[in-house]
Amino acid sequence: MTLVMIAMMLFLCTWLGIAVYLDLYGQRTLPQGEYDAAIVPGCAVRKDGTASGALARRTQHAIQLWREGRVQSIVLTGGIGRHPPSEAQVAARIAESAGVPAAALILEEASTTTAENAQFSAKLLPKMQEWSVVVTTDGYHCWRCRRLFARHYAAVETAGSTPGGRLRIRGALREVFSIIKMLLR
């Protein structure tokens, strides 16, 4: 085996190892307690204006925390991506149809990245940066979300949902690249 092949194998093994770690990290149990809000990072809206599977999962997780009384409000983030309406509006429709009153929802509709979800949402209300929040997202996305949102909120936890097998693998592998980009900035 050549040195280049060994280096490539080490690189691939490291990439896969990090992806597995991210997936396991996202499966942690949310610590007991109450939070000021659940925050749903935006995700794709389909051509027909409905939520992608990831946006629906993230929103349902936040709704469950609200029903359990663990959060007082739900912050829905995300502007208009490839298809209107905004990601936050689509998530709000899901929450409202599940019985969450509009008064419990806070929408941030300008962001286009996870970093912007965190930054822009923390400025929606006075003293929001002092809130304790739980970010509901796909499990493999939890590690990065916790770090990005911690830049803008006093206390941050994450609660991961688990997509199907193929999406879970693809998402975790792609998330490694996103983390590298985040760390380089």
C-alpha atoms as a PDB file:
ATOM      1  CA  MET A   1       0.000   0.000   0.000  1.00  0.00           C
ATOM      2  CA  THR A   2       1.287   3.412  -0.879  1.00  0.00           C
ATOM      3  CA  LEU A   3       1.516   6.276   1.545  1.00  0.00           C
ATOM      4  CA  VAL A   4      -1.226   8.114  -0.352  1.00  0.00           C
ATOM      5  CA  MET A   5      -3.590   5.141   0.001  1.00  0.00           C
ATOM      6  CA  ILE A   6      -2.857   4.878   3.725  1.00  0.00           C
ATOM      7  CA  ALA A   7      -3.507   8.604   4.150  1.00  0.00           C
ATOM      8  CA  MET A   8      -6.789   8.296   2.239  1.00  0.00           C
ATOM      9  CA  MET A   9      -7.872   5.334   4.375  1.00  0.00           C
ATOM     10  CA  LEU A  10      -7.063   7.238   7.572  1.00  0.00           C
ATOM     11  CA  PHE A  11      -8.968  10.263   6.307  1.00  0.00           C
ATOM     12  CA  LEU A  12     -12.049   8.175   5.440  1.00  0.00           C
ATOM     13  CA  CYS A  13     -11.960   6.305   8.740  1.00  0.00           C
ATOM     14  CA  THR A  14     -11.688   9.585  10.636  1.00  0.00           C
ATOM     15  CA  TRP A  15     -14.572  11.088   8.647  1.00  0.00           C
ATOM     16  CA  LEU A  16     -16.738   8.012   9.322  1.00  0.00           C
ATOM     17  CA  GLY A  17     -15.759   7.980  13.001  1.00  0.00           C
ATOM     18  CA  ILE A  18     -16.788  11.604  13.420  1.00  0.00           C
ATOM     19  CA  ALA A  19     -20.094  10.934  11.636  1.00  0.00           C
ATOM     20  CA  VAL A  20     -20.842   8.034  13.999  1.00  0.00           C
ATOM     21  CA  TYR A  21     -19.965  10.213  17.002  1.00  0.00           C
ATOM     22  CA  LEU A  22     -22.314  12.973  15.786  1.00  0.00           C
ATOM     23  CA  ASP A  23     -25.138  10.476  15.399  1.00  0.00           C
ATOM     24  CA  LEU A  24     -24.582   9.075  18.902  1.00  0.00           C
ATOM     25  CA  TYR A  25     -24.261  12.571  20.384  1.00  0.00           C
ATOM     26  CA  GLY A  26     -27.677  13.466  18.979  1.00  0.00           C
ATOM     27  CA  GLN A  27     -29.291  10.461  20.655  1.00  0.00           C
ATOM     28  CA  ARG A  28     -28.473  11.708  24.160  1.00  0.00           C
ATOM     29  CA  THR A  29     -31.398  12.143  26.528  1.00  0.00           C
ATOM     30  CA  LEU A  30     -32.434  15.729  27.126  1.00  0.00           C
ATOM     31  CA  PRO A  31     -31.672  16.682  30.744  1.00  0.00           C
ATOM     32  CA  GLN A  32     -34.722  17.085  32.969  1.00  0.00           C
ATOM     33  CA  GLY A  33     -35.962  20.596  33.553  1.00  0.00           C
ATOM     34  CA  GLU A  34     -37.758  23.431  31.883  1.00  0.00           C
ATOM     35  CA  TYR A  35     -36.496  25.834  29.254  1.00  0.00           C
ATOM     36  CA  ASP A  36     -37.664  29.229  28.108  1.00  0.00           C
ATOM     37  CA  ALA A  37     -38.090  27.980  24.552  1.00  0.00           C
ATOM     38  CA  ALA A  38     -37.571  25.239  22.051  1.00  0.00           C
ATOM     39  CA  ILE A  39     -35.889  26.502  18.903  1.00  0.00           C
ATOM     40  CA  VAL A  40     -36.460  24.818  15.558  1.00  0.00           C
ATOM     41  CA  PRO A  41     -33.650  25.470  13.069  1.00  0.00           C
ATOM     42  CA  GLY A  42     -35.054  26.069   9.620  1.00  0.00           C
ATOM     43  CA  CYS A  43     -34.910  23.419   6.941  1.00  0.00           C
ATOM     44  CA  ALA A  44     -36.146  22.991   3.395  1.00  0.00           C
ATOM     45  CA  VAL A  45     -39.657  23.724   2.210  1.00  0.00           C
ATOM     46  CA  ARG A  46     -40.857  21.570  -0.683  1.00  0.00           C
ATOM     47  CA  LYS A  47     -42.009  22.922  -4.035  1.00  0.00           C
ATOM     48  CA  ASP A  48     -45.647  22.578  -2.945  1.00  0.00           C
ATOM     49  CA  GLY A  49     -45.023  24.737   0.162  1.00  0.00           C
ATOM     50  CA  THR A  50     -45.008  21.869   2.662  1.00  0.00           C
ATOM     51  CA  ALA A  51     -42.311  20.982   5.155  1.00  0.00           C
ATOM     52  CA  SER A  52     -39.469  18.647   4.296  1.00  0.00           C
ATOM     53  CA  GLY A  53     -39.223  15.586   6.510  1.00  0.00           C
ATOM     54  CA  ALA A  54     -36.472  17.200   8.571  1.00  0.00           C
ATOM     55  CA  LEU A  55     -38.446  20.405   9.190  1.00  0.00           C
ATOM     56  CA  ALA A  56     -41.518  18.385  10.164  1.00  0.00           C
ATOM     57  CA  ARG A  57     -39.500  16.165  12.570  1.00  0.00           C
ATOM     58  CA  ARG A  58     -37.807  19.133  14.206  1.00  0.00           C
ATOM     59  CA  THR A  59     -41.115  20.944  14.642  1.00  0.00           C
ATOM     60  CA  GLN A  60     -42.907  17.874  16.031  1.00  0.00           C
ATOM     61  CA  HIS A  61     -40.137  17.437  18.594  1.00  0.00           C
ATOM     62  CA  ALA A  62     -40.572  21.047  19.746  1.00  0.00           C
ATOM     63  CA  ILE A  63     -44.357  20.578  19.917  1.00  0.00           C
ATOM     64  CA  GLN A  64     -43.878  17.538  22.136  1.00  0.00           C
ATOM     65  CA  LEU A  65     -41.675  19.513  24.535  1.00  0.00           C
ATOM     66  CA  TRP A  66     -44.303  22.275  24.636  1.00  0.00           C
ATOM     67  CA  ARG A  67     -47.073  19.737  25.372  1.00  0.00           C
ATOM     68  CA  GLU A  68     -44.989  18.276  28.200  1.00  0.00           C
ATOM     69  CA  GLY A  69     -44.670  21.773  29.693  1.00  0.00           C
ATOM     70  CA  ARG A  70     -40.889  21.756  29.317  1.00  0.00           C
ATOM     71  CA  VAL A  71     -40.850  24.910  27.161  1.00  0.00           C
ATOM     72  CA  GLN A  72     -42.991  28.030  27.335  1.00  0.00           C
ATOM     73  CA  SER A  73     -42.657  28.964  23.692  1.00  0.00           C
ATOM     74  CA  ILE A  74     -41.404  27.670  20.371  1.00  0.00           C
ATOM     75  CA  VAL A  75     -39.071  29.742  18.205  1.00  0.00           C
ATOM     76  CA  LEU A  76     -39.368  28.805  14.538  1.00  0.00           C
ATOM     77  CA  THR A  77     -36.525  29.957  12.328  1.00  0.00           C
ATOM     78  CA  GLY A  78     -35.748  30.136   8.647  1.00  0.00           C
ATOM     79  CA  GLY A  79     -36.402  32.472   5.766  1.00  0.00           C
ATOM     80  CA  ILE A  80     -37.459  31.650   2.230  1.00  0.00           C
ATOM     81  CA  GLY A  81     -35.189  29.085   0.607  1.00  0.00           C
ATOM     82  CA  ARG A  82     -35.703  27.554  -2.818  1.00  0.00           C
ATOM     83  CA  HIS A  83     -39.483  27.566  -2.402  1.00  0.00           C
ATOM     84  CA  PRO A  84     -41.845  29.886  -0.516  1.00  0.00           C
ATOM     85  CA  PRO A  85     -43.197  30.422   2.053  1.00  0.00           C
ATOM     86  CA  SER A  86     -40.571  30.888   4.750  1.00  0.00           C
ATOM     87  CA  GLU A  87     -39.391  27.850   6.675  1.00  0.00           C
ATOM     88  CA  ALA A  88     -40.616  29.502   9.889  1.00  0.00           C
ATOM     89  CA  GLN A  89     -44.126  29.985   8.450  1.00  0.00           C
ATOM     90  CA  VAL A  90     -44.359  26.362   7.339  1.00  0.00           C
ATOM     91  CA  ALA A  91     -43.228  25.164  10.778  1.00  0.00           C
ATOM     92  CA  ALA A  92     -45.745  27.527  12.417  1.00  0.00           C
ATOM     93  CA  ARG A  93     -48.562  25.949  10.385  1.00  0.00           C
ATOM     94  CA  ILE A  94     -47.526  22.522  11.685  1.00  0.00           C
ATOM     95  CA  ALA A  95     -47.454  23.767  15.277  1.00  0.00           C
ATOM     96  CA  GLU A  96     -50.788  25.567  15.019  1.00  0.00           C
ATOM     97  CA  SER A  97     -52.468  22.549  13.419  1.00  0.00           C
ATOM     98  CA  ALA A  98     -51.177  20.492  16.380  1.00  0.00           C
ATOM     99  CA  GLY A  99     -52.874  22.860  18.822  1.00  0.00           C
ATOM    100  CA  VAL A 100     -50.032  25.183  19.783  1.00  0.00           C
ATOM    101  CA  PRO A 101     -51.508  28.684  20.128  1.00  0.00           C
ATOM    102  CA  ALA A 102     -50.036  31.428  17.966  1.00  0.00           C
ATOM    103  CA  ALA A 103     -49.143  33.326  21.163  1.00  0.00           C
ATOM    104  CA  ALA A 104     -46.647  30.567  22.038  1.00  0.00           C
ATOM    105  CA  LEU A 105     -44.881  30.855  18.670  1.00  0.00           C
ATOM    106  CA  ILE A 106     -42.068  33.257  17.806  1.00  0.00           C
ATOM    107  CA  LEU A 107     -41.050  33.452  14.155  1.00  0.00           C
ATOM    108  CA  GLU A 108     -37.658  34.451  12.756  1.00  0.00           C
ATOM    109  CA  GLU A 109     -37.959  34.651   8.967  1.00  0.00           C
ATOM    110  CA  ALA A 110     -34.713  36.188   7.704  1.00  0.00           C
ATOM    111  CA  SER A 111     -32.075  33.494   8.303  1.00  0.00           C
ATOM    112  CA  THR A 112     -30.691  31.200   5.629  1.00  0.00           C
ATOM    113  CA  THR A 113     -28.120  29.193   7.642  1.00  0.00           C
ATOM    114  CA  THR A 114     -27.949  27.487  11.025  1.00  0.00           C
ATOM    115  CA  ALA A 115     -25.555  30.177  12.263  1.00  0.00           C
ATOM    116  CA  GLU A 116     -28.060  32.850  11.220  1.00  0.00           C
ATOM    117  CA  ASN A 117     -30.910  30.872  12.859  1.00  0.00           C
ATOM    118  CA  ALA A 118     -29.037  31.255  16.142  1.00  0.00           C
ATOM    119  CA  GLN A 119     -27.895  34.849  15.663  1.00  0.00           C
ATOM    120  CA  PHE A 120     -31.161  36.303  14.348  1.00  0.00           C
ATOM    121  CA  SER A 121     -33.466  34.442  16.730  1.00  0.00           C
ATOM    122  CA  ALA A 122     -31.593  35.730  19.792  1.00  0.00           C
ATOM    123  CA  LYS A 123     -32.461  39.300  18.771  1.00  0.00           C
ATOM    124  CA  LEU A 124     -36.211  38.850  18.365  1.00  0.00           C
ATOM    125  CA  LEU A 125     -37.188  39.916  21.877  1.00  0.00           C
ATOM    126  CA  PRO A 126     -35.490  41.974  24.598  1.00  0.00           C
ATOM    127  CA  LYS A 127     -33.161  39.927  26.804  1.00  0.00           C
ATOM    128  CA  MET A 128     -33.673  36.820  24.699  1.00  0.00           C
ATOM    129  CA  GLN A 129     -29.930  36.172  24.940  1.00  0.00           C
ATOM    130  CA  GLU A 130     -30.527  35.372  28.627  1.00  0.00           C
ATOM    131  CA  TRP A 131     -32.914  32.518  27.805  1.00  0.00           C
ATOM    132  CA  SER A 132     -32.299  28.836  28.334  1.00  0.00           C
ATOM    133  CA  VAL A 133     -33.236  27.026  25.151  1.00  0.00           C
ATOM    134  CA  VAL A 134     -33.394  23.558  23.721  1.00  0.00           C
ATOM    135  CA  VAL A 135     -32.714  23.267  20.007  1.00  0.00           C
ATOM    136  CA  THR A 136     -34.781  20.521  18.386  1.00  0.00           C
ATOM    137  CA  THR A 137     -33.088  19.200  15.286  1.00  0.00           C
ATOM    138  CA  ASP A 138     -31.909  16.002  13.641  1.00  0.00           C
ATOM    139  CA  GLY A 139     -29.576  14.054  15.909  1.00  0.00           C
ATOM    140  CA  TYR A 140     -26.486  14.430  13.736  1.00  0.00           C
ATOM    141  CA  HIS A 141     -27.030  18.231  13.719  1.00  0.00           C
ATOM    142  CA  CYS A 142     -27.083  18.593  17.540  1.00  0.00           C
ATOM    143  CA  TRP A 143     -23.347  19.004  18.156  1.00  0.00           C
ATOM    144  CA  ARG A 144     -22.990  21.937  15.774  1.00  0.00           C
ATOM    145  CA  CYS A 145     -26.288  23.532  16.853  1.00  0.00           C
ATOM    146  CA  ARG A 146     -25.265  23.466  20.483  1.00  0.00           C
ATOM    147  CA  ARG A 147     -22.081  25.362  19.702  1.00  0.00           C
ATOM    148  CA  LEU A 148     -23.664  27.885  17.330  1.00  0.00           C
ATOM    149  CA  PHE A 149     -26.616  28.681  19.593  1.00  0.00           C
ATOM    150  CA  ALA A 150     -24.362  28.915  22.685  1.00  0.00           C
ATOM    151  CA  ARG A 151     -22.782  31.982  21.093  1.00  0.00           C
ATOM    152  CA  HIS A 152     -26.110  33.805  21.466  1.00  0.00           C
ATOM    153  CA  TYR A 153     -28.033  32.224  24.383  1.00  0.00           C
ATOM    154  CA  ALA A 154     -27.235  31.834  28.091  1.00  0.00           C
ATOM    155  CA  ALA A 155     -27.946  28.092  28.257  1.00  0.00           C
ATOM    156  CA  VAL A 156     -28.359  25.672  25.359  1.00  0.00           C
ATOM    157  CA  GLU A 157     -29.306  22.016  25.170  1.00  0.00           C
ATOM    158  CA  THR A 158     -30.226  20.001  22.125  1.00  0.00           C
ATOM    159  CA  ALA A 159     -32.814  17.325  21.485  1.00  0.00           C
ATOM    160  CA  GLY A 160     -32.218  15.153  18.452  1.00  0.00           C
ATOM    161  CA  SER A 161     -34.731  13.335  16.329  1.00  0.00           C
ATOM    162  CA  THR A 162     -33.788  10.306  14.292  1.00  0.00           C
ATOM    163  CA  PRO A 163     -34.498  10.256  10.558  1.00  0.00           C
ATOM    164  CA  GLY A 164     -34.602   7.029   8.554  1.00  0.00           C
ATOM    165  CA  GLY A 165     -31.404   5.047   8.011  1.00  0.00           C
ATOM    166  CA  ARG A 166     -30.280   6.395   4.641  1.00  0.00           C
ATOM    167  CA  LEU A 167     -31.030  10.022   5.565  1.00  0.00           C
ATOM    168  CA  ARG A 168     -29.333   9.531   8.910  1.00  0.00           C
ATOM    169  CA  ILE A 169     -26.116   8.247   7.311  1.00  0.00           C
ATOM    170  CA  ARG A 170     -26.085  10.855   4.546  1.00  0.00           C
ATOM    171  CA  GLY A 171     -26.870  13.654   7.012  1.00  0.00           C
ATOM    172  CA  ALA A 172     -24.147  12.635   9.458  1.00  0.00           C
ATOM    173  CA  LEU A 173     -21.534  12.389   6.706  1.00  0.00           C
ATOM    174  CA  ARG A 174     -22.549  15.794   5.319  1.00  0.00           C
ATOM    175  CA  GLU A 175     -22.556  17.303   8.820  1.00  0.00           C
ATOM    176  CA  VAL A 176     -18.838  16.532   9.206  1.00  0.00           C
ATOM    177  CA  PHE A 177     -18.184  18.875   6.281  1.00  0.00           C
ATOM    178  CA  SER A 178     -20.430  21.557   7.846  1.00  0.00           C
ATOM    179  CA  ILE A 179     -18.494  21.325  11.118  1.00  0.00           C
ATOM    180  CA  ILE A 180     -15.185  21.719   9.296  1.00  0.00           C
ATOM    181  CA  LYS A 181     -16.562  24.862   7.616  1.00  0.00           C
ATOM    182  CA  MET A 182     -17.796  26.187  10.981  1.00  0.00           C
ATOM    183  CA  LEU A 183     -14.436  25.606  12.652  1.00  0.00           C
ATOM    184  CA  LEU A 184     -12.551  27.321   9.845  1.00  0.00           C
ATOM    185  CA  ARG A 185     -14.631  30.507  10.176  1.00  0.00           C
END
